[in-house]
């Protein structure tokens, strides 16, 4: 009798466990005409990704973001670089006038490549094609699915196109260069359960994605042909090996990932969370043009501790300067920024009142000026 009860209990447990799982279908694939609304917390606090398995519950309701960004999926033919991606179905405009191209089928959303800034930050505009293509989404997606993908980039360009100063460390003067990138992507659908974000709750599958990118620079030399000169280029963090790791939470009801948690690959501490914006919180969020550089202060009004969010900035040094209503500078600090970043500063020393804050680049040009209100309890 005990054995019978034990067997029945295990069958019931297996039934409940199976019912708790979901299958993600192709309904979550974006299509031409779709606009995906997301927000990003670059300083996530209190976020716990938990362990593999399920069913489990993730509480991400503490996420904060000063603005909402839209990602628009268009017909590929609308892109200026479509002639380089004639098989593409979709195109997305990216910051810096970059264009990303995708293939869409019933079972896969494939990333073909992009037209835009080179992968090592030289400021070159190149046509970048992945070979083979990178699979961004799959369907159906089930718990414990695993995938391994390898892709490569090979990007030649003339030495005449390189900005001044870059070649100073080389004992040679090559005629041309090429960037080589090898990408190894490992994916595992490692958990399932309930995801709570600001304004909504979803039943999700979680995919753990690890990308290992090996980026090298070759120079073409007379009589020697291509030679790896990566180690002769100092202080370029985009050359060499870079490992990135993220946890992506998908739901059938949403074309946006419910959350994408970027983590430190060594500690798995969350460093950045992009999350779906639901209708309930759109009205309280500031819409930002996701393609333009900018800066936002949050919260605003503030009691003194302010988070500044930088958006879509070219890599380099920037300053935040704060002025009182008389135009006198009362605070300033310099930061190194690449793309999107958030920093917290304490402005308790400022008196209650209205101030202006400006974002200034390394050449002294003011990129944006906005109002900041300091209040006291």
Protein backbone atom coordinates (compact mmCIF):
# COMPACT_ATOMS: atom_id res chain seq x y z
CA UNK A 1 0.00 0.00 0.00
CA UNK A 2 2.83 2.44 0.87
CA UNK A 3 4.44 1.70 -2.47
CA UNK A 4 1.15 2.47 -4.24
CA UNK A 5 0.77 5.80 -2.42
CA UNK A 6 4.39 6.65 -3.19
CA UNK A 7 3.87 5.90 -6.87
CA UNK A 8 0.66 7.94 -6.98
CA UNK A 9 2.40 10.86 -5.25
CA UNK A 10 5.25 10.80 -7.76
CA UNK A 11 2.79 10.70 -10.66
CA UNK A 12 0.86 13.65 -9.20
CA UNK A 13 4.08 15.58 -8.63
CA UNK A 14 5.22 14.89 -12.19
CA UNK A 15 1.84 16.01 -13.52
CA UNK A 16 1.95 19.29 -11.59
CA UNK A 17 5.57 19.88 -12.63
CA UNK A 18 4.74 19.23 -16.30
CA UNK A 19 1.74 21.58 -16.17
CA UNK A 20 3.89 24.34 -14.68
CA UNK A 21 6.15 24.32 -17.71
CA UNK A 22 5.29 26.21 -20.88
CA UNK A 23 6.31 25.99 -24.51
CA UNK A 24 7.28 29.23 -26.25
CA UNK A 25 5.87 29.31 -29.78
CA UNK A 26 6.70 31.48 -32.78
CA UNK A 27 4.14 34.02 -31.50
CA UNK A 28 7.04 35.76 -29.75
CA UNK A 29 8.87 36.44 -33.02
CA UNK A 30 8.82 40.14 -34.03
CA UNK A 31 7.41 41.02 -37.45
CA UNK A 32 7.55 44.04 -39.75
CA UNK A 33 5.49 46.84 -38.22
CA UNK A 34 6.05 45.75 -34.61
CA UNK A 35 7.29 48.26 -32.02
CA UNK A 36 8.93 46.75 -28.94
CA UNK A 37 8.88 48.92 -25.81
CA UNK A 38 11.61 48.39 -23.22
CA UNK A 39 13.36 50.16 -20.37
CA UNK A 40 16.81 49.56 -18.91
CA UNK A 41 18.06 49.61 -15.33
CA UNK A 42 21.85 49.95 -15.47
CA UNK A 43 22.13 49.85 -11.67
CA UNK A 44 19.84 46.95 -10.70
CA UNK A 45 19.45 46.55 -6.96
CA UNK A 46 17.96 43.54 -5.17
CA UNK A 47 17.71 41.40 -8.30
CA UNK A 48 18.20 37.67 -7.66
CA UNK A 49 18.40 35.40 -10.71
CA UNK A 50 18.08 32.30 -8.51
CA UNK A 51 19.03 28.80 -9.56
CA UNK A 52 18.16 26.58 -12.55
CA UNK A 53 14.94 24.56 -12.48
CA UNK A 54 11.37 25.33 -11.59
CA UNK A 55 8.69 26.23 -11.10
CA UNK A 56 10.05 29.32 -9.38
CA UNK A 57 9.21 33.00 -8.95
CA UNK A 58 11.40 35.99 -9.81
CA UNK A 59 10.57 39.35 -8.22
CA UNK A 60 11.97 42.12 -10.44
CA UNK A 61 9.44 44.76 -9.39
CA UNK A 62 12.24 46.93 -7.94
CA UNK A 63 13.57 47.75 -11.42
CA UNK A 64 13.77 51.45 -12.23
CA UNK A 65 14.42 53.33 -15.46
CA UNK A 66 14.14 57.00 -16.39
CA UNK A 67 12.83 56.47 -19.91
CA UNK A 68 11.20 54.07 -22.34
CA UNK A 69 12.88 53.15 -25.63
CA UNK A 70 11.15 51.87 -28.76
CA UNK A 71 12.62 49.31 -31.17
CA UNK A 72 10.88 49.37 -34.54
CA UNK A 73 10.99 46.35 -36.87
CA UNK A 74 10.67 47.40 -40.51
CA UNK A 75 10.61 45.69 -43.89
CA UNK A 76 14.24 44.96 -44.81
CA UNK A 77 13.85 46.80 -48.11
CA UNK A 78 13.44 50.06 -46.17
CA UNK A 79 17.09 49.93 -45.10
CA UNK A 80 19.82 51.93 -46.78
CA UNK A 81 22.12 48.87 -46.78
CA UNK A 82 19.49 46.42 -48.04
CA UNK A 83 21.52 45.74 -51.21
CA UNK A 84 24.12 44.04 -48.96
CA UNK A 85 21.45 41.86 -47.28
CA UNK A 86 19.08 40.96 -50.11
CA UNK A 87 17.77 37.81 -48.37
CA UNK A 88 16.74 39.73 -45.23
CA UNK A 89 13.11 40.04 -44.14
CA UNK A 90 13.45 42.59 -41.32
CA UNK A 91 15.54 45.64 -40.51
CA UNK A 92 16.01 47.52 -37.22
CA UNK A 93 17.52 51.00 -36.95
CA UNK A 94 20.27 51.10 -34.31
CA UNK A 95 22.05 54.05 -32.63
CA UNK A 96 24.62 55.83 -34.78
CA UNK A 97 22.69 55.28 -38.04
CA UNK A 98 23.47 51.55 -37.89
CA UNK A 99 21.07 49.05 -39.46
CA UNK A 100 20.59 45.44 -38.31
CA UNK A 101 19.18 42.81 -40.70
CA UNK A 102 17.29 39.59 -39.89
CA UNK A 103 15.79 36.54 -41.57
CA UNK A 104 12.42 35.38 -40.25
CA UNK A 105 10.98 31.87 -40.65
CA UNK A 106 8.44 29.76 -38.79
CA UNK A 107 11.15 28.32 -36.51
CA UNK A 108 13.93 30.93 -36.32
CA UNK A 109 14.78 34.62 -36.14
CA UNK A 110 18.29 34.82 -37.60
CA UNK A 111 20.68 37.76 -37.27
CA UNK A 112 22.40 38.21 -40.63
CA UNK A 113 24.55 41.20 -39.70
CA UNK A 114 24.55 44.96 -39.76
CA UNK A 115 25.81 48.06 -41.48
CA UNK A 116 27.55 50.43 -39.10
CA UNK A 117 30.44 50.99 -36.74
CA UNK A 118 33.27 48.42 -36.79
CA UNK A 119 33.59 45.96 -33.85
CA UNK A 120 36.81 47.46 -32.41
CA UNK A 121 35.78 51.10 -32.24
CA UNK A 122 37.88 52.61 -35.04
CA UNK A 123 34.92 54.66 -36.23
CA UNK A 124 34.72 52.87 -39.58
CA UNK A 125 31.37 52.15 -41.24
CA UNK A 126 31.43 48.57 -42.52
CA UNK A 127 29.07 45.91 -43.81
CA UNK A 128 29.25 43.21 -41.13
CA UNK A 129 27.97 39.73 -42.05
CA UNK A 130 27.90 36.76 -39.69
CA UNK A 131 29.00 33.45 -41.23
CA UNK A 132 27.09 31.34 -40.44
CA UNK A 133 24.24 33.53 -39.22
CA UNK A 134 23.50 33.90 -35.50
CA UNK A 135 20.14 32.55 -34.31
CA UNK A 136 18.50 35.11 -32.02
CA UNK A 137 15.24 33.24 -31.32
CA UNK A 138 13.92 29.73 -31.86
CA UNK A 139 10.52 28.07 -31.78
CA UNK A 140 9.25 25.94 -30.26
CA UNK A 141 11.30 26.62 -27.14
CA UNK A 142 11.07 24.16 -24.25
CA UNK A 143 12.63 23.68 -20.85
CA UNK A 144 16.07 21.98 -21.01
CA UNK A 145 16.63 22.77 -24.71
CA UNK A 146 20.35 23.39 -25.39
CA UNK A 147 22.09 24.93 -28.38
CA UNK A 148 25.69 25.49 -29.49
CA UNK A 149 26.48 27.98 -32.27
CA UNK A 150 29.73 29.16 -33.84
CA UNK A 151 29.96 32.16 -36.14
CA UNK A 152 32.69 34.33 -37.65
CA UNK A 153 33.31 37.81 -39.00
CA UNK A 154 36.02 38.77 -41.50
CA UNK A 155 36.19 42.51 -42.17
CA UNK A 156 38.93 43.92 -44.45
CA UNK A 157 39.57 47.66 -44.76
CA UNK A 158 42.22 50.04 -46.06
CA UNK A 159 44.93 51.52 -43.82
CA UNK A 160 43.99 54.90 -45.29
CA UNK A 161 40.62 54.67 -43.51
CA UNK A 162 42.10 54.40 -40.01
CA UNK A 163 42.04 57.55 -37.85
CA UNK A 164 45.36 59.21 -37.05
CA UNK A 165 47.30 57.91 -34.07
CA UNK A 166 46.04 54.34 -34.19
CA UNK A 167 49.06 53.09 -36.15
CA UNK A 168 51.65 54.87 -34.02
CA UNK A 169 52.33 51.72 -31.97
CA UNK A 170 53.08 49.62 -35.05
CA UNK A 171 56.70 49.32 -36.29
CA UNK A 172 55.34 48.84 -39.81
CA UNK A 173 53.04 50.59 -42.26
CA UNK A 174 50.64 48.02 -43.76
CA UNK A 175 48.50 48.73 -46.79
CA UNK A 176 45.40 47.09 -45.39
CA UNK A 177 43.91 45.45 -42.33
CA UNK A 178 41.19 42.99 -41.44
CA UNK A 179 39.25 42.35 -38.27
CA UNK A 180 38.66 38.68 -37.41
CA UNK A 181 35.98 37.73 -34.89
CA UNK A 182 35.14 34.21 -33.75
CA UNK A 183 31.93 33.81 -31.74
CA UNK A 184 31.03 30.75 -29.69
CA UNK A 185 27.49 30.92 -28.32
CA UNK A 186 26.14 28.44 -25.74
CA UNK A 187 22.45 28.49 -24.80
CA UNK A 188 20.40 26.49 -22.34
CA UNK A 189 16.75 26.87 -21.36
CA UNK A 190 17.55 26.31 -17.71
CA UNK A 191 14.52 27.50 -15.71
CA UNK A 192 10.79 28.24 -15.82
CA UNK A 193 8.24 29.95 -13.60
CA UNK A 194 6.61 33.31 -12.86
CA UNK A 195 8.33 36.60 -13.61
CA UNK A 196 7.10 39.77 -11.86
CA UNK A 197 8.19 43.10 -13.37
CA UNK A 198 6.83 46.61 -12.75
CA UNK A 199 3.17 46.54 -13.73
CA UNK A 200 2.71 42.90 -14.76
CA UNK A 201 3.37 39.20 -14.21
CA UNK A 202 4.18 36.53 -16.84
CA UNK A 203 4.75 32.80 -17.11
CA UNK A 204 8.22 32.50 -18.61
CA UNK A 205 10.99 30.25 -19.82
CA UNK A 206 14.52 31.39 -19.01
CA UNK A 207 17.40 31.00 -21.44
CA UNK A 208 21.00 31.27 -20.23
CA UNK A 209 23.18 32.62 -23.05
CA UNK A 210 26.98 32.77 -22.99
CA UNK A 211 28.96 34.38 -25.81
CA UNK A 212 32.72 34.03 -26.06
CA UNK A 213 34.11 36.49 -28.64
CA UNK A 214 37.72 36.28 -29.81
CA UNK A 215 38.60 39.46 -31.74
CA UNK A 216 41.90 39.83 -33.60
CA UNK A 217 43.43 42.39 -35.95
CA UNK A 218 45.54 41.35 -38.96
CA UNK A 219 47.80 43.53 -41.11
CA UNK A 220 48.75 42.73 -44.71
CA UNK A 221 52.49 43.09 -45.16
CA UNK A 222 54.55 42.95 -48.36
CA UNK A 223 55.90 39.44 -49.03
CA UNK A 224 54.49 38.14 -45.71
CA UNK A 225 50.75 38.44 -46.41
CA UNK A 226 48.41 38.56 -43.39
CA UNK A 227 50.02 38.85 -39.94
CA UNK A 228 48.29 39.05 -36.55
CA UNK A 229 49.19 42.42 -34.95
CA UNK A 230 46.66 42.36 -32.11
CA UNK A 231 49.29 42.29 -29.39
CA UNK A 232 50.95 45.40 -30.82
CA UNK A 233 47.81 47.50 -30.24
CA UNK A 234 47.78 48.72 -26.61
CA UNK A 235 44.79 49.58 -24.44
CA UNK A 236 41.98 48.45 -26.70
CA UNK A 237 39.49 46.49 -24.54
CA UNK A 238 37.58 45.38 -27.64
CA UNK A 239 40.51 43.27 -28.89
CA UNK A 240 41.23 39.83 -27.45
CA UNK A 241 38.78 37.52 -25.72
CA UNK A 242 35.54 38.81 -24.20
CA UNK A 243 32.93 36.66 -22.45
CA UNK A 244 29.41 37.96 -21.93
CA UNK A 245 26.60 36.17 -20.13
CA UNK A 246 22.89 36.93 -19.87
CA UNK A 247 19.63 35.37 -18.71
CA UNK A 248 16.71 36.00 -21.08
CA UNK A 249 13.11 35.51 -19.90
CA UNK A 250 10.56 34.83 -22.66
CA UNK A 251 6.75 34.64 -22.56
CA UNK A 252 4.22 33.72 -25.24
CA UNK A 253 2.22 36.91 -24.67
CA UNK A 254 5.10 39.25 -25.43
CA UNK A 255 7.37 39.93 -28.37
CA UNK A 256 9.68 41.80 -26.03
CA UNK A 257 11.74 39.59 -23.72
CA UNK A 258 10.16 40.06 -20.31
CA UNK A 259 13.65 40.69 -18.96
CA UNK A 260 17.25 40.39 -20.16
CA UNK A 261 19.63 40.23 -17.21
CA UNK A 262 23.29 40.83 -18.05
CA UNK A 263 25.57 39.36 -15.39
CA UNK A 264 29.23 39.31 -14.50
CA UNK A 265 30.38 35.98 -16.04
CA UNK A 266 32.62 35.29 -13.02
CA UNK A 267 30.25 36.12 -10.16
CA UNK A 268 26.85 36.10 -11.95
CA UNK A 269 25.99 39.36 -10.20
CA UNK A 270 23.44 41.33 -12.29
CA UNK A 271 25.01 44.37 -13.94
CA UNK A 272 22.17 45.51 -16.22
CA UNK A 273 18.50 44.61 -16.77
CA UNK A 274 16.48 45.46 -19.84
CA UNK A 275 12.78 44.78 -19.26
CA UNK A 276 9.42 44.99 -20.99
CA UNK A 277 7.41 48.16 -20.50
CA UNK A 278 3.74 47.43 -19.89
CA UNK A 279 0.85 49.83 -20.50
CA UNK A 280 0.39 50.52 -16.80
CA UNK A 281 3.77 52.25 -16.48
CA UNK A 282 4.17 53.87 -19.90
CA UNK A 283 2.43 57.04 -18.75
CA UNK A 284 4.90 57.46 -15.88
CA UNK A 285 7.96 56.87 -18.05
CA UNK A 286 9.72 59.40 -20.23
CA UNK A 287 9.94 58.32 -23.85
CA UNK A 288 13.43 58.74 -25.25
CA UNK A 289 14.50 58.56 -28.86
CA UNK A 290 16.47 55.33 -28.59
CA UNK A 291 18.75 56.35 -31.46
CA UNK A 292 19.94 59.72 -30.14
CA UNK A 293 22.62 60.49 -27.51
CA UNK A 294 21.33 61.90 -24.26
CA UNK A 295 21.39 62.08 -20.46
CA UNK A 296 18.60 61.74 -17.90
CA UNK A 297 18.46 62.48 -14.17
CA UNK A 298 16.35 60.15 -12.03
CA UNK A 299 14.50 60.69 -9.75
CA UNK A 300 13.71 64.26 -10.63
CA UNK A 301 12.74 66.01 -8.31
CA UNK A 302 15.36 64.50 -6.00
CA UNK A 303 16.21 64.71 -2.30
CA UNK A 304 19.91 64.69 -3.20
CA UNK A 305 20.89 61.24 -4.46
CA UNK A 306 20.57 61.29 -8.24
CA UNK A 307 21.13 58.67 -10.88
CA UNK A 308 22.34 59.95 -14.24
CA UNK A 309 21.64 57.66 -17.18
CA UNK A 310 23.78 58.15 -20.30
CA UNK A 311 22.35 56.95 -23.60
CA UNK A 312 24.00 56.13 -26.94
CA UNK A 313 27.28 57.98 -26.43
CA UNK A 314 30.39 57.37 -28.48
CA UNK A 315 33.23 55.95 -26.40
CA UNK A 316 35.15 58.67 -24.57
CA UNK A 317 35.34 61.08 -21.64
CA UNK A 318 32.31 63.18 -20.72
CA UNK A 319 31.51 65.67 -17.97
CA UNK A 320 28.31 66.40 -16.11
CA UNK A 321 28.12 70.04 -15.03
CA UNK A 322 25.44 71.46 -12.75
CA UNK A 323 24.59 75.18 -12.69
CA UNK A 324 22.38 77.26 -10.41
CA UNK A 325 19.75 79.62 -11.77
CA UNK A 326 22.37 82.39 -12.02
CA UNK A 327 24.43 80.26 -14.39
CA UNK A 328 27.21 79.59 -11.88
CA UNK A 329 28.76 76.10 -11.95
CA UNK A 330 28.17 74.41 -8.58
CA UNK A 331 29.27 70.84 -9.33
CA UNK A 332 31.00 68.86 -12.06
CA UNK A 333 32.50 65.42 -12.55
CA UNK A 334 34.13 63.54 -15.44
CA UNK A 335 33.22 60.00 -16.53
CA UNK A 336 34.34 57.46 -19.10
CA UNK A 337 31.33 56.32 -21.11
CA UNK A 338 30.78 53.85 -23.95
CA UNK A 339 27.21 53.66 -25.21
CA UNK A 340 24.80 53.32 -22.29
CA UNK A 341 25.79 53.74 -18.65
CA UNK A 342 24.34 54.81 -15.29
CA UNK A 343 26.08 56.43 -12.33
CA UNK A 344 24.86 57.50 -8.90
CA UNK A 345 25.99 60.79 -7.36
CA UNK A 346 25.24 62.44 -4.02
CA UNK A 347 24.16 66.08 -4.31
CA UNK A 348 23.19 66.58 -0.67
CA UNK A 349 25.41 69.67 -0.55
CA UNK A 350 23.13 71.52 -2.98
CA UNK A 351 20.43 73.71 -1.52
CA UNK A 352 16.77 73.24 -2.29
CA UNK A 353 15.92 74.75 -5.66
CA UNK A 354 16.07 74.51 -9.44
CA UNK A 355 19.31 73.71 -11.27
CA UNK A 356 20.45 72.94 -14.81
CA UNK A 357 22.63 69.95 -15.65
CA UNK A 358 24.64 69.66 -18.86
CA UNK A 359 26.39 66.81 -20.63
CA UNK A 360 29.70 67.98 -22.12
CA UNK A 361 32.03 65.95 -24.35
CA UNK A 362 35.83 65.91 -24.26
CA UNK A 363 35.98 68.76 -26.81
CA UNK A 364 33.94 71.03 -24.56
CA UNK A 365 30.77 70.78 -26.64
CA UNK A 366 27.52 70.74 -24.67
CA UNK A 367 25.40 67.85 -25.94
CA UNK A 368 22.35 68.36 -23.74
CA UNK A 369 21.08 70.64 -20.98
CA UNK A 370 18.10 69.83 -18.76
CA UNK A 371 16.47 70.92 -15.54
CA UNK A 372 17.03 69.27 -12.14
CA UNK A 373 14.91 70.05 -9.09
CA UNK A 374 16.35 69.47 -5.60
CA UNK A 375 13.79 69.24 -2.78
CA UNK A 376 14.12 68.74 0.96
CA UNK A 377 11.75 66.84 3.27
